[in-house]
Amino acid sequence: MESKITLQKTSCYFCREWLDDKNIKNHLLTCGQVLEKCPLNCLSYIQRKNLENHIKTCTKGENSNKKMHNGIANFQSLKDSPIIENDRVELIEENLIKLRKSLNEEIQMRHDVIGELGNLKKRNQITDEWTVKVSEVLNLLQKRIQEEKESRHLEIKDLNGVVQNLLKEFQARQYL
């Protein structure tokens, strides 16, 4: 049984808002939760909505602020550049495709694990039932063994009494 899942809505990886697949590109261009690399190369990734504040306070940017005209002018030009935005969108789309593929693989693996778990539960139930039956048989067998011991003990007692009587008779005949 093989099933395919087709997703028609996508959750934004950054803000978790659910969007139609056709609207995800535009959303990713404006989503404030998207992480941006610091243009001052401090190696930090900052949410887009906080990037301007970061540029103002970036320690790497103290020396670069003069070169970047307080960083805001260049940031605005970077932000508005269609080439960088297209690259960013393509990168985000690639990541989204990878995430979907990974999600589908995880769903399939989860489905397989659930099937295996069901099989294990069934086997465990059968084993438990068998264990109960074997336990009942063992208890019955122990009961029969105990009854047999008691029966033989009584027979031995009776035979012992008979032997004692025969011994007394034999001894009595010897004295005569």
C-alpha atoms as a PDB file:
ATOM      1  CA  MET A   1       0.000   0.000   0.000  1.00  0.00           C
ATOM      2  CA  GLU A   2       1.688   3.151  -1.215  1.00  0.00           C
ATOM      3  CA  SER A   3       0.276   6.595  -0.745  1.00  0.00           C
ATOM      4  CA  LYS A   4       1.451   9.965  -1.953  1.00  0.00           C
ATOM      5  CA  ILE A   5       0.815  13.180  -0.150  1.00  0.00           C
ATOM      6  CA  THR A   6       0.414  16.345  -2.149  1.00  0.00           C
ATOM      7  CA  LEU A   7       0.759  19.492  -0.142  1.00  0.00           C
ATOM      8  CA  GLN A   8      -1.303  22.445  -1.332  1.00  0.00           C
ATOM      9  CA  LYS A   9      -0.578  24.640   1.637  1.00  0.00           C
ATOM     10  CA  THR A  10       2.813  25.343   3.038  1.00  0.00           C
ATOM     11  CA  SER A  11       3.861  26.582   6.414  1.00  0.00           C
ATOM     12  CA  CYS A  12       6.457  29.331   6.277  1.00  0.00           C
ATOM     13  CA  TYR A  13       9.625  27.816   7.665  1.00  0.00           C
ATOM     14  CA  PHE A  14      10.375  31.028   9.523  1.00  0.00           C
ATOM     15  CA  CYS A  15       7.081  32.353  10.931  1.00  0.00           C
ATOM     16  CA  ARG A  16       4.965  29.165  10.601  1.00  0.00           C
ATOM     17  CA  GLU A  17       2.136  30.992   8.856  1.00  0.00           C
ATOM     18  CA  TRP A  18       0.137  28.695   6.541  1.00  0.00           C
ATOM     19  CA  LEU A  19       0.057  29.905   2.945  1.00  0.00           C
ATOM     20  CA  ASP A  20      -1.097  28.643  -0.430  1.00  0.00           C
ATOM     21  CA  ASP A  21       1.802  27.277  -2.463  1.00  0.00           C
ATOM     22  CA  LYS A  22       1.400  30.054  -5.024  1.00  0.00           C
ATOM     23  CA  ASN A  23       1.813  32.781  -2.361  1.00  0.00           C
ATOM     24  CA  ILE A  24       4.897  31.405  -0.622  1.00  0.00           C
ATOM     25  CA  LYS A  25       7.407  33.206  -2.913  1.00  0.00           C
ATOM     26  CA  ASN A  26       5.940  36.628  -2.222  1.00  0.00           C
ATOM     27  CA  HIS A  27       5.657  35.890   1.474  1.00  0.00           C
ATOM     28  CA  LEU A  28       9.320  34.865   1.733  1.00  0.00           C
ATOM     29  CA  LEU A  29      10.342  38.205   0.216  1.00  0.00           C
ATOM     30  CA  THR A  30       8.525  40.128   2.941  1.00  0.00           C
ATOM     31  CA  CYS A  31       8.544  37.797   5.961  1.00  0.00           C
ATOM     32  CA  GLY A  32      10.221  39.566   8.865  1.00  0.00           C
ATOM     33  CA  GLN A  33      11.248  36.273  10.469  1.00  0.00           C
ATOM     34  CA  VAL A  34      13.569  35.286   7.585  1.00  0.00           C
ATOM     35  CA  LEU A  35      17.182  35.173   8.689  1.00  0.00           C
ATOM     36  CA  GLU A  36      19.589  37.440   6.830  1.00  0.00           C
ATOM     37  CA  LYS A  37      23.369  37.300   6.942  1.00  0.00           C
ATOM     38  CA  CYS A  38      24.832  40.451   8.424  1.00  0.00           C
ATOM     39  CA  PRO A  39      26.021  42.625   5.504  1.00  0.00           C
ATOM     40  CA  LEU A  40      28.904  43.784   7.723  1.00  0.00           C
ATOM     41  CA  ASN A  41      30.225  40.199   7.811  1.00  0.00           C
ATOM     42  CA  CYS A  42      30.059  39.667  11.563  1.00  0.00           C
ATOM     43  CA  LEU A  43      28.934  36.109  10.705  1.00  0.00           C
ATOM     44  CA  SER A  44      25.602  36.601  12.448  1.00  0.00           C
ATOM     45  CA  TYR A  45      22.224  35.779  11.001  1.00  0.00           C
ATOM     46  CA  ILE A  46      19.552  38.210  12.081  1.00  0.00           C
ATOM     47  CA  GLN A  47      15.813  38.268  11.483  1.00  0.00           C
ATOM     48  CA  ARG A  48      15.023  40.577   8.600  1.00  0.00           C
ATOM     49  CA  LYS A  49      12.827  42.742  10.818  1.00  0.00           C
ATOM     50  CA  ASN A  50      15.775  43.341  13.193  1.00  0.00           C
ATOM     51  CA  LEU A  51      18.524  43.755  10.600  1.00  0.00           C
ATOM     52  CA  GLU A  52      18.513  47.563  10.524  1.00  0.00           C
ATOM     53  CA  ASN A  53      18.906  47.722  14.310  1.00  0.00           C
ATOM     54  CA  HIS A  54      21.675  45.126  14.137  1.00  0.00           C
ATOM     55  CA  ILE A  55      23.582  47.150  11.541  1.00  0.00           C
ATOM     56  CA  LYS A  56      23.484  50.157  13.847  1.00  0.00           C
ATOM     57  CA  THR A  57      24.944  48.172  16.760  1.00  0.00           C
ATOM     58  CA  CYS A  58      27.113  45.586  14.963  1.00  0.00           C
ATOM     59  CA  THR A  59      30.629  45.495  16.440  1.00  0.00           C
ATOM     60  CA  LYS A  60      32.136  44.569  13.075  1.00  0.00           C
ATOM     61  CA  GLY A  61      30.292  47.499  11.607  1.00  0.00           C
ATOM     62  CA  GLU A  62      31.926  50.121  13.827  1.00  0.00           C
ATOM     63  CA  ASN A  63      34.769  50.429  11.354  1.00  0.00           C
ATOM     64  CA  SER A  64      32.589  49.660   8.366  1.00  0.00           C
ATOM     65  CA  ASN A  65      29.783  52.070   9.223  1.00  0.00           C
ATOM     66  CA  LYS A  66      31.663  54.954   7.667  1.00  0.00           C
ATOM     67  CA  LYS A  67      32.227  52.952   4.505  1.00  0.00           C
ATOM     68  CA  MET A  68      28.592  51.896   4.382  1.00  0.00           C
ATOM     69  CA  HIS A  69      27.132  55.337   5.243  1.00  0.00           C
ATOM     70  CA  ASN A  70      25.794  53.957   8.508  1.00  0.00           C
ATOM     71  CA  GLY A  71      25.024  50.704   6.694  1.00  0.00           C
ATOM     72  CA  ILE A  72      21.437  51.651   6.056  1.00  0.00           C
ATOM     73  CA  ALA A  73      21.902  52.978   2.530  1.00  0.00           C
ATOM     74  CA  ASN A  74      23.730  49.866   1.390  1.00  0.00           C
ATOM     75  CA  PHE A  75      21.302  47.640   3.292  1.00  0.00           C
ATOM     76  CA  GLN A  76      18.395  49.304   1.512  1.00  0.00           C
ATOM     77  CA  SER A  77      20.121  48.803  -1.836  1.00  0.00           C
ATOM     78  CA  LEU A  78      20.812  45.154  -0.939  1.00  0.00           C
ATOM     79  CA  LYS A  79      17.252  44.746   0.217  1.00  0.00           C
ATOM     80  CA  ASP A  80      15.812  46.238  -2.956  1.00  0.00           C
ATOM     81  CA  SER A  81      18.188  44.478  -5.353  1.00  0.00           C
ATOM     82  CA  PRO A  82      16.149  42.081  -7.536  1.00  0.00           C
ATOM     83  CA  ILE A  83      19.165  39.861  -8.204  1.00  0.00           C
ATOM     84  CA  ILE A  84      19.823  39.217  -4.543  1.00  0.00           C
ATOM     85  CA  GLU A  85      16.125  38.760  -3.844  1.00  0.00           C
ATOM     86  CA  ASN A  86      15.811  36.236  -6.687  1.00  0.00           C
ATOM     87  CA  ASP A  87      18.835  34.353  -5.376  1.00  0.00           C
ATOM     88  CA  ARG A  88      17.370  34.431  -1.909  1.00  0.00           C
ATOM     89  CA  VAL A  89      13.992  33.223  -3.151  1.00  0.00           C
ATOM     90  CA  GLU A  90      15.614  30.444  -5.171  1.00  0.00           C
ATOM     91  CA  LEU A  91      17.644  29.376  -2.165  1.00  0.00           C
ATOM     92  CA  ILE A  92      14.577  29.411   0.045  1.00  0.00           C
ATOM     93  CA  GLU A  93      12.599  27.485  -2.610  1.00  0.00           C
ATOM     94  CA  GLU A  94      15.369  24.887  -2.825  1.00  0.00           C
ATOM     95  CA  ASN A  95      15.359  24.570   0.944  1.00  0.00           C
ATOM     96  CA  LEU A  96      11.580  24.302   0.908  1.00  0.00           C
ATOM     97  CA  ILE A  97      11.718  21.544  -1.716  1.00  0.00           C
ATOM     98  CA  LYS A  98      14.314  19.715   0.381  1.00  0.00           C
ATOM     99  CA  LEU A  99      12.161  20.132   3.468  1.00  0.00           C
ATOM    100  CA  ARG A 100       9.104  18.779   1.648  1.00  0.00           C
ATOM    101  CA  LYS A 101      11.082  15.819   0.359  1.00  0.00           C
ATOM    102  CA  SER A 102      12.439  15.200   3.827  1.00  0.00           C
ATOM    103  CA  LEU A 103       8.946  15.561   5.308  1.00  0.00           C
ATOM    104  CA  ASN A 104       7.541  13.048   2.813  1.00  0.00           C
ATOM    105  CA  GLU A 105      10.366  10.634   3.619  1.00  0.00           C
ATOM    106  CA  GLU A 106       9.720  11.091   7.337  1.00  0.00           C
ATOM    107  CA  ILE A 107       5.994  10.520   6.797  1.00  0.00           C
ATOM    108  CA  GLN A 108       6.754   7.315   4.869  1.00  0.00           C
ATOM    109  CA  MET A 109       9.197   6.169   7.547  1.00  0.00           C
ATOM    110  CA  ARG A 110       6.633   6.964  10.235  1.00  0.00           C
ATOM    111  CA  HIS A 111       4.013   5.004   8.295  1.00  0.00           C
ATOM    112  CA  ASP A 112       6.426   2.046   8.057  1.00  0.00           C
ATOM    113  CA  VAL A 113       7.260   2.273  11.764  1.00  0.00           C
ATOM    114  CA  ILE A 114       3.563   2.378  12.655  1.00  0.00           C
ATOM    115  CA  GLY A 115       3.016  -0.745  10.525  1.00  0.00           C
ATOM    116  CA  GLU A 116       5.926  -2.516  12.186  1.00  0.00           C
ATOM    117  CA  LEU A 117       4.668  -1.427  15.601  1.00  0.00           C
ATOM    118  CA  GLY A 118       1.262  -2.896  14.758  1.00  0.00           C
ATOM    119  CA  ASN A 119       2.917  -6.178  13.753  1.00  0.00           C
ATOM    120  CA  LEU A 120       4.951  -6.215  16.964  1.00  0.00           C
ATOM    121  CA  LYS A 121       1.847  -5.533  19.055  1.00  0.00           C
ATOM    122  CA  LYS A 122       0.056  -8.408  17.324  1.00  0.00           C
ATOM    123  CA  ARG A 123       3.010 -10.744  17.902  1.00  0.00           C
ATOM    124  CA  ASN A 124       3.250  -9.577  21.510  1.00  0.00           C
ATOM    125  CA  GLN A 125      -0.461 -10.264  22.026  1.00  0.00           C
ATOM    126  CA  ILE A 126      -0.097 -13.759  20.533  1.00  0.00           C
ATOM    127  CA  THR A 127       2.943 -14.372  22.752  1.00  0.00           C
ATOM    128  CA  ASP A 128       1.034 -13.175  25.816  1.00  0.00           C
ATOM    129  CA  GLU A 129      -1.905 -15.467  24.987  1.00  0.00           C
ATOM    130  CA  TRP A 130       0.479 -18.388  24.452  1.00  0.00           C
ATOM    131  CA  THR A 131       2.234 -17.598  27.748  1.00  0.00           C
ATOM    132  CA  VAL A 132      -1.101 -17.632  29.596  1.00  0.00           C
ATOM    133  CA  LYS A 133      -2.037 -20.985  28.026  1.00  0.00           C
ATOM    134  CA  VAL A 134       1.364 -22.512  28.819  1.00  0.00           C
ATOM    135  CA  SER A 135       1.115 -21.183  32.368  1.00  0.00           C
ATOM    136  CA  GLU A 136      -2.332 -22.773  32.752  1.00  0.00           C
ATOM    137  CA  VAL A 137      -1.019 -26.094  31.415  1.00  0.00           C
ATOM    138  CA  LEU A 138       1.991 -25.950  33.755  1.00  0.00           C
ATOM    139  CA  ASN A 139      -0.251 -25.198  36.734  1.00  0.00           C
ATOM    140  CA  LEU A 140      -2.526 -28.102  35.795  1.00  0.00           C
ATOM    141  CA  LEU A 141       0.503 -30.359  35.365  1.00  0.00           C
ATOM    142  CA  GLN A 142       1.879 -29.323  38.774  1.00  0.00           C
ATOM    143  CA  LYS A 143      -1.533 -30.002  40.301  1.00  0.00           C
ATOM    144  CA  ARG A 144      -1.615 -33.477  38.709  1.00  0.00           C
ATOM    145  CA  ILE A 145       1.945 -34.177  39.886  1.00  0.00           C
ATOM    146  CA  GLN A 146       0.990 -33.142  43.428  1.00  0.00           C
ATOM    147  CA  GLU A 147      -2.111 -35.355  43.280  1.00  0.00           C
ATOM    148  CA  GLU A 148       0.032 -38.237  41.987  1.00  0.00           C
ATOM    149  CA  LYS A 149       2.554 -37.696  44.816  1.00  0.00           C
ATOM    150  CA  GLU A 150      -0.224 -37.724  47.410  1.00  0.00           C
ATOM    151  CA  SER A 151      -1.798 -40.810  45.830  1.00  0.00           C
ATOM    152  CA  ARG A 152       1.517 -42.690  45.789  1.00  0.00           C
ATOM    153  CA  HIS A 153       2.268 -41.541  49.325  1.00  0.00           C
ATOM    154  CA  LEU A 154      -1.061 -43.033  50.443  1.00  0.00           C
ATOM    155  CA  GLU A 155      -0.357 -46.230  48.479  1.00  0.00           C
ATOM    156  CA  ILE A 156       3.089 -46.480  50.056  1.00  0.00           C
ATOM    157  CA  LYS A 157       1.546 -45.918  53.480  1.00  0.00           C
ATOM    158  CA  ASP A 158      -1.020 -48.657  52.781  1.00  0.00           C
ATOM    159  CA  LEU A 159       1.673 -50.982  51.431  1.00  0.00           C
ATOM    160  CA  ASN A 160       3.861 -50.173  54.426  1.00  0.00           C
ATOM    161  CA  GLY A 161       0.951 -51.153  56.689  1.00  0.00           C
ATOM    162  CA  VAL A 162       0.468 -54.389  54.726  1.00  0.00           C
ATOM    163  CA  VAL A 163       4.212 -55.158  54.905  1.00  0.00           C
ATOM    164  CA  GLN A 164       4.195 -54.462  58.658  1.00  0.00           C
ATOM    165  CA  ASN A 165       1.240 -56.843  59.088  1.00  0.00           C
ATOM    166  CA  LEU A 166       2.965 -59.519  56.985  1.00  0.00           C
ATOM    167  CA  LEU A 167       6.169 -59.026  58.957  1.00  0.00           C
ATOM    168  CA  LYS A 168       4.297 -59.436  62.237  1.00  0.00           C
ATOM    169  CA  GLU A 169       2.595 -62.556  60.884  1.00  0.00           C
ATOM    170  CA  PHE A 170       5.904 -63.954  59.731  1.00  0.00           C
ATOM    171  CA  GLN A 171       7.556 -63.264  63.063  1.00  0.00           C
ATOM    172  CA  ALA A 172       4.602 -64.771  64.899  1.00  0.00           C
ATOM    173  CA  ARG A 173       4.877 -67.973  62.841  1.00  0.00           C
ATOM    174  CA  GLN A 174       8.581 -68.204  63.489  1.00  0.00           C
ATOM    175  CA  TYR A 175       8.037 -68.227  67.252  1.00  0.00           C
ATOM    176  CA  LEU A 176       5.563 -71.055  67.054  1.00  0.00           C
END
